[in-house]
Amino acid sequence: MNLKSLLKTFIFLILTFGSFTLNAQVELVVKQKDNQKFSLEIAKIRKLTFTEQALLLHPKTGVVQNYGLNDLSKLFFSNNPTAVRPTTTLFEQLEVFPTPASEYINITYKTKNNENVVIKIVDLHGRVVHEDAYSDNINVNTKQINIKHLSAGVYILHLQSSQQSESRKILIK
């Protein structure tokens, strides 16, 4: 099986059967042999197309990116974003601890605006297992969430406001 077939199969499986994977993976990273790297949030990808010679990445907005298959050194999904973040990030200094956790998780973040923030914990099947809404001030905000009722495993913590959302993987033991 050649590289093109492997890539097609991998992406097809992720996009078709891997709804839990899409919740955990937040970006697609393309690394070329000349060490140039490009990444895009999965939520911003409309379509991926493979031709005989290229990978075409169709974003929801913007110009189609064309990558020659012979020029690619890596193509992977990541749950640890490496893309350059906008300078207007809403959730600055986001920390989630301890990890792994067993009774409580602590969430600390700083906002630039007075914001209504929704914090969700989602299991890898996409089910929301915890949700709270807060009205936060322009400063450091600290939340403690009781997780005693959750089974051991990997979960995704989502913080969402009207302007932005951030996600982090959490481990519950």
C-alpha atoms as a PDB file:
ATOM      1  CA  MET A   1       0.000   0.000   0.000  1.00  0.00           C
ATOM      2  CA  ASN A   2       1.511   3.361  -1.001  1.00  0.00           C
ATOM      3  CA  LEU A   3       1.609   6.587   1.031  1.00  0.00           C
ATOM      4  CA  LYS A   4      -1.385   8.082  -0.752  1.00  0.00           C
ATOM      5  CA  SER A   5      -3.557   5.022  -0.025  1.00  0.00           C
ATOM      6  CA  LEU A   6      -2.484   4.966   3.614  1.00  0.00           C
ATOM      7  CA  LEU A   7      -3.252   8.666   4.045  1.00  0.00           C
ATOM      8  CA  LYS A   8      -6.653   8.314   2.379  1.00  0.00           C
ATOM      9  CA  THR A   9      -7.557   5.337   4.551  1.00  0.00           C
ATOM     10  CA  PHE A  10      -6.372   7.019   7.746  1.00  0.00           C
ATOM     11  CA  ILE A  11      -8.256  10.254   7.110  1.00  0.00           C
ATOM     12  CA  PHE A  12     -11.368   8.383   5.971  1.00  0.00           C
ATOM     13  CA  LEU A  13     -11.413   6.335   9.183  1.00  0.00           C
ATOM     14  CA  ILE A  14     -10.871   9.397  11.375  1.00  0.00           C
ATOM     15  CA  LEU A  15     -13.549  11.462   9.653  1.00  0.00           C
ATOM     16  CA  THR A  16     -16.079   8.640   9.244  1.00  0.00           C
ATOM     17  CA  PHE A  17     -15.827   6.476  12.341  1.00  0.00           C
ATOM     18  CA  GLY A  18     -13.797   8.518  14.747  1.00  0.00           C
ATOM     19  CA  SER A  19     -16.255  10.996  16.228  1.00  0.00           C
ATOM     20  CA  PHE A  20     -14.584  10.470  19.598  1.00  0.00           C
ATOM     21  CA  THR A  21     -11.242  11.077  17.901  1.00  0.00           C
ATOM     22  CA  LEU A  22     -12.443  14.349  16.422  1.00  0.00           C
ATOM     23  CA  ASN A  23     -13.381  15.530  19.884  1.00  0.00           C
ATOM     24  CA  ALA A  24      -9.909  14.701  21.157  1.00  0.00           C
ATOM     25  CA  GLN A  25      -7.938  15.827  18.097  1.00  0.00           C
ATOM     26  CA  VAL A  26      -8.096  19.532  17.474  1.00  0.00           C
ATOM     27  CA  GLU A  27      -5.825  20.188  14.509  1.00  0.00           C
ATOM     28  CA  LEU A  28      -4.379  18.741  11.351  1.00  0.00           C
ATOM     29  CA  VAL A  29      -0.629  19.285  10.981  1.00  0.00           C
ATOM     30  CA  VAL A  30       1.143  19.092   7.621  1.00  0.00           C
ATOM     31  CA  LYS A  31       4.941  18.975   7.707  1.00  0.00           C
ATOM     32  CA  GLN A  32       6.904  19.162   4.489  1.00  0.00           C
ATOM     33  CA  LYS A  33      10.337  17.714   3.776  1.00  0.00           C
ATOM     34  CA  ASP A  34      11.837  21.240   3.803  1.00  0.00           C
ATOM     35  CA  ASN A  35      10.651  21.506   7.467  1.00  0.00           C
ATOM     36  CA  GLN A  36       7.897  23.991   6.696  1.00  0.00           C
ATOM     37  CA  LYS A  37       4.901  23.280   8.903  1.00  0.00           C
ATOM     38  CA  PHE A  38       1.265  24.235   8.491  1.00  0.00           C
ATOM     39  CA  SER A  39      -1.563  23.467  10.892  1.00  0.00           C
ATOM     40  CA  LEU A  40      -5.277  24.115  10.838  1.00  0.00           C
ATOM     41  CA  GLU A  41      -7.998  23.475  13.400  1.00  0.00           C
ATOM     42  CA  ILE A  42     -10.167  20.530  12.365  1.00  0.00           C
ATOM     43  CA  ALA A  43     -13.287  22.649  12.891  1.00  0.00           C
ATOM     44  CA  LYS A  44     -12.038  25.006  10.147  1.00  0.00           C
ATOM     45  CA  ILE A  45     -11.533  22.258   7.524  1.00  0.00           C
ATOM     46  CA  ARG A  46     -14.332  21.836   4.973  1.00  0.00           C
ATOM     47  CA  LYS A  47     -12.799  18.996   2.952  1.00  0.00           C
ATOM     48  CA  LEU A  48      -9.574  17.070   2.251  1.00  0.00           C
ATOM     49  CA  THR A  49      -9.013  15.818  -1.293  1.00  0.00           C
ATOM     50  CA  PHE A  50      -6.288  13.504  -2.604  1.00  0.00           C
ATOM     51  CA  THR A  51      -5.256  13.585  -6.247  1.00  0.00           C
ATOM     52  CA  GLU A  52      -2.561  11.431  -7.842  1.00  0.00           C
ATOM     53  CA  GLN A  53       0.113  13.968  -6.932  1.00  0.00           C
ATOM     54  CA  ALA A  54      -1.276  16.194  -4.183  1.00  0.00           C
ATOM     55  CA  LEU A  55      -3.243  16.671  -0.995  1.00  0.00           C
ATOM     56  CA  LEU A  56      -5.744  19.519  -1.307  1.00  0.00           C
ATOM     57  CA  LEU A  57      -6.872  21.043   1.978  1.00  0.00           C
ATOM     58  CA  HIS A  58     -10.131  23.006   1.585  1.00  0.00           C
ATOM     59  CA  PRO A  59     -10.683  25.342   4.561  1.00  0.00           C
ATOM     60  CA  LYS A  60     -14.199  26.586   5.338  1.00  0.00           C
ATOM     61  CA  THR A  61     -12.961  30.077   4.490  1.00  0.00           C
ATOM     62  CA  GLY A  62      -9.891  31.092   2.531  1.00  0.00           C
ATOM     63  CA  VAL A  63      -7.741  29.613  -0.192  1.00  0.00           C
ATOM     64  CA  VAL A  64      -7.313  25.900  -0.913  1.00  0.00           C
ATOM     65  CA  GLN A  65      -3.860  24.671   0.199  1.00  0.00           C
ATOM     66  CA  ASN A  66      -2.078  22.356  -2.257  1.00  0.00           C
ATOM     67  CA  TYR A  67       0.617  19.997  -0.901  1.00  0.00           C
ATOM     68  CA  GLY A  68       2.592  17.718  -3.221  1.00  0.00           C
ATOM     69  CA  LEU A  69       2.531  14.173  -1.839  1.00  0.00           C
ATOM     70  CA  ASN A  70       6.232  13.754  -2.643  1.00  0.00           C
ATOM     71  CA  ASP A  71       7.030  16.875  -0.568  1.00  0.00           C
ATOM     72  CA  LEU A  72       5.269  15.690   2.610  1.00  0.00           C
ATOM     73  CA  SER A  73       7.278  14.286   5.488  1.00  0.00           C
ATOM     74  CA  LYS A  74       4.393  14.069   8.005  1.00  0.00           C
ATOM     75  CA  LEU A  75       0.650  14.469   8.089  1.00  0.00           C
ATOM     76  CA  PHE A  76      -1.030  13.936  11.432  1.00  0.00           C
ATOM     77  CA  PHE A  77      -3.850  14.938  13.732  1.00  0.00           C
ATOM     78  CA  SER A  78      -2.899  16.464  17.054  1.00  0.00           C
ATOM     79  CA  ASN A  79      -4.641  17.090  20.355  1.00  0.00           C
ATOM     80  CA  ASN A  80      -1.911  19.512  21.369  1.00  0.00           C
ATOM     81  CA  PRO A  81      -2.254  22.531  19.093  1.00  0.00           C
ATOM     82  CA  THR A  82       0.969  23.894  17.649  1.00  0.00           C
ATOM     83  CA  ALA A  83      -0.588  26.517  15.433  1.00  0.00           C
ATOM     84  CA  VAL A  84       0.234  30.131  16.108  1.00  0.00           C
ATOM     85  CA  ARG A  85      -2.462  31.441  18.380  1.00  0.00           C
ATOM     86  CA  PRO A  86      -4.173  34.740  17.696  1.00  0.00           C
ATOM     87  CA  THR A  87      -2.783  37.576  19.780  1.00  0.00           C
ATOM     88  CA  THR A  88      -6.313  38.245  21.016  1.00  0.00           C
ATOM     89  CA  THR A  89      -6.715  34.956  22.857  1.00  0.00           C
ATOM     90  CA  LEU A  90      -9.602  35.176  25.288  1.00  0.00           C
ATOM     91  CA  PHE A  91      -8.370  32.543  27.736  1.00  0.00           C
ATOM     92  CA  GLU A  92      -4.874  33.597  28.729  1.00  0.00           C
ATOM     93  CA  GLN A  93      -2.822  31.580  31.184  1.00  0.00           C
ATOM     94  CA  LEU A  94      -5.182  28.580  30.987  1.00  0.00           C
ATOM     95  CA  GLU A  95      -4.170  25.898  33.478  1.00  0.00           C
ATOM     96  CA  VAL A  96      -5.965  22.670  34.336  1.00  0.00           C
ATOM     97  CA  PHE A  97      -4.684  20.605  37.262  1.00  0.00           C
ATOM     98  CA  PRO A  98      -4.085  18.075  38.740  1.00  0.00           C
ATOM     99  CA  THR A  99      -3.745  15.548  36.003  1.00  0.00           C
ATOM    100  CA  PRO A 100      -4.568  12.830  36.488  1.00  0.00           C
ATOM    101  CA  ALA A 101      -7.312  13.859  38.888  1.00  0.00           C
ATOM    102  CA  SER A 102      -9.587  11.806  41.108  1.00  0.00           C
ATOM    103  CA  GLU A 103     -11.856  14.159  43.084  1.00  0.00           C
ATOM    104  CA  TYR A 104     -11.599  17.704  41.706  1.00  0.00           C
ATOM    105  CA  ILE A 105     -10.046  19.524  38.801  1.00  0.00           C
ATOM    106  CA  ASN A 106      -8.957  23.116  39.137  1.00  0.00           C
ATOM    107  CA  ILE A 107      -9.219  25.474  36.189  1.00  0.00           C
ATOM    108  CA  THR A 108      -7.464  28.832  36.198  1.00  0.00           C
ATOM    109  CA  TYR A 109      -7.584  31.325  33.343  1.00  0.00           C
ATOM    110  CA  LYS A 110      -7.449  35.021  32.681  1.00  0.00           C
ATOM    111  CA  THR A 111      -9.905  36.804  30.417  1.00  0.00           C
ATOM    112  CA  LYS A 112      -9.439  40.108  28.591  1.00  0.00           C
ATOM    113  CA  ASN A 113     -13.149  40.935  28.717  1.00  0.00           C
ATOM    114  CA  ASN A 114     -16.120  40.481  31.017  1.00  0.00           C
ATOM    115  CA  GLU A 115     -17.435  37.234  29.579  1.00  0.00           C
ATOM    116  CA  ASN A 116     -20.023  34.552  30.105  1.00  0.00           C
ATOM    117  CA  VAL A 117     -18.055  31.314  30.022  1.00  0.00           C
ATOM    118  CA  VAL A 118     -19.447  27.789  29.722  1.00  0.00           C
ATOM    119  CA  ILE A 119     -17.251  24.969  31.006  1.00  0.00           C
ATOM    120  CA  LYS A 120     -18.092  21.468  29.791  1.00  0.00           C
ATOM    121  CA  ILE A 121     -16.524  18.092  30.366  1.00  0.00           C
ATOM    122  CA  VAL A 122     -17.162  15.723  27.463  1.00  0.00           C
ATOM    123  CA  ASP A 123     -16.386  12.008  27.324  1.00  0.00           C
ATOM    124  CA  LEU A 124     -14.764  10.464  24.256  1.00  0.00           C
ATOM    125  CA  HIS A 125     -18.185   9.454  22.930  1.00  0.00           C
ATOM    126  CA  GLY A 126     -19.176  13.119  22.728  1.00  0.00           C
ATOM    127  CA  ARG A 127     -21.538  13.043  25.724  1.00  0.00           C
ATOM    128  CA  VAL A 128     -21.521  16.083  27.987  1.00  0.00           C
ATOM    129  CA  VAL A 129     -20.956  14.717  31.505  1.00  0.00           C
ATOM    130  CA  HIS A 130     -20.628  18.094  33.267  1.00  0.00           C
ATOM    131  CA  GLU A 131     -21.626  21.641  32.348  1.00  0.00           C
ATOM    132  CA  ASP A 132     -21.525  24.940  34.240  1.00  0.00           C
ATOM    133  CA  ALA A 133     -21.946  28.564  33.155  1.00  0.00           C
ATOM    134  CA  TYR A 134     -20.086  31.454  34.759  1.00  0.00           C
ATOM    135  CA  SER A 135     -20.024  35.220  34.400  1.00  0.00           C
ATOM    136  CA  ASP A 136     -16.325  36.099  34.609  1.00  0.00           C
ATOM    137  CA  ASN A 137     -14.493  39.350  35.152  1.00  0.00           C
ATOM    138  CA  ILE A 138     -11.392  40.779  33.517  1.00  0.00           C
ATOM    139  CA  ASN A 139      -8.867  39.063  35.733  1.00  0.00           C
ATOM    140  CA  VAL A 140      -7.759  35.619  36.824  1.00  0.00           C
ATOM    141  CA  ASN A 141     -10.689  33.274  37.277  1.00  0.00           C
ATOM    142  CA  THR A 142     -10.421  30.032  39.236  1.00  0.00           C
ATOM    143  CA  LYS A 143     -12.961  27.218  39.174  1.00  0.00           C
ATOM    144  CA  GLN A 144     -12.978  23.905  41.007  1.00  0.00           C
ATOM    145  CA  ILE A 145     -15.126  21.139  39.558  1.00  0.00           C
ATOM    146  CA  ASN A 146     -16.132  18.011  41.449  1.00  0.00           C
ATOM    147  CA  ILE A 147     -15.398  14.956  39.273  1.00  0.00           C
ATOM    148  CA  LYS A 148     -15.967  12.201  41.858  1.00  0.00           C
ATOM    149  CA  HIS A 149     -19.012  10.989  39.912  1.00  0.00           C
ATOM    150  CA  LEU A 150     -17.026  10.391  36.699  1.00  0.00           C
ATOM    151  CA  SER A 151     -15.525   7.035  35.736  1.00  0.00           C
ATOM    152  CA  ALA A 152     -11.800   6.730  35.189  1.00  0.00           C
ATOM    153  CA  GLY A 153     -10.732   7.678  31.678  1.00  0.00           C
ATOM    154  CA  VAL A 154      -9.867  10.452  29.274  1.00  0.00           C
ATOM    155  CA  TYR A 155     -12.192  13.438  28.918  1.00  0.00           C
ATOM    156  CA  ILE A 156     -12.130  16.734  27.062  1.00  0.00           C
ATOM    157  CA  LEU A 157     -12.567  19.980  28.988  1.00  0.00           C
ATOM    158  CA  HIS A 158     -14.138  22.749  26.863  1.00  0.00           C
ATOM    159  CA  LEU A 159     -14.208  26.423  27.843  1.00  0.00           C
ATOM    160  CA  GLN A 160     -16.433  28.479  25.583  1.00  0.00           C
ATOM    161  CA  SER A 161     -17.427  32.113  25.406  1.00  0.00           C
ATOM    162  CA  SER A 162     -19.178  34.138  22.738  1.00  0.00           C
ATOM    163  CA  GLN A 163     -15.770  34.915  21.201  1.00  0.00           C
ATOM    164  CA  GLN A 164     -13.668  31.780  21.499  1.00  0.00           C
ATOM    165  CA  SER A 165     -13.380  28.247  22.761  1.00  0.00           C
ATOM    166  CA  GLU A 166     -10.449  26.290  24.166  1.00  0.00           C
ATOM    167  CA  SER A 167     -10.150  22.583  24.881  1.00  0.00           C
ATOM    168  CA  ARG A 168      -7.819  20.504  27.019  1.00  0.00           C
ATOM    169  CA  LYS A 169      -7.523  16.779  27.557  1.00  0.00           C
ATOM    170  CA  ILE A 170      -7.982  15.659  31.177  1.00  0.00           C
ATOM    171  CA  LEU A 171      -7.311  12.292  32.726  1.00  0.00           C
ATOM    172  CA  ILE A 172      -9.468  10.988  35.576  1.00  0.00           C
ATOM    173  CA  LYS A 173      -8.201   8.081  37.658  1.00  0.00           C
END
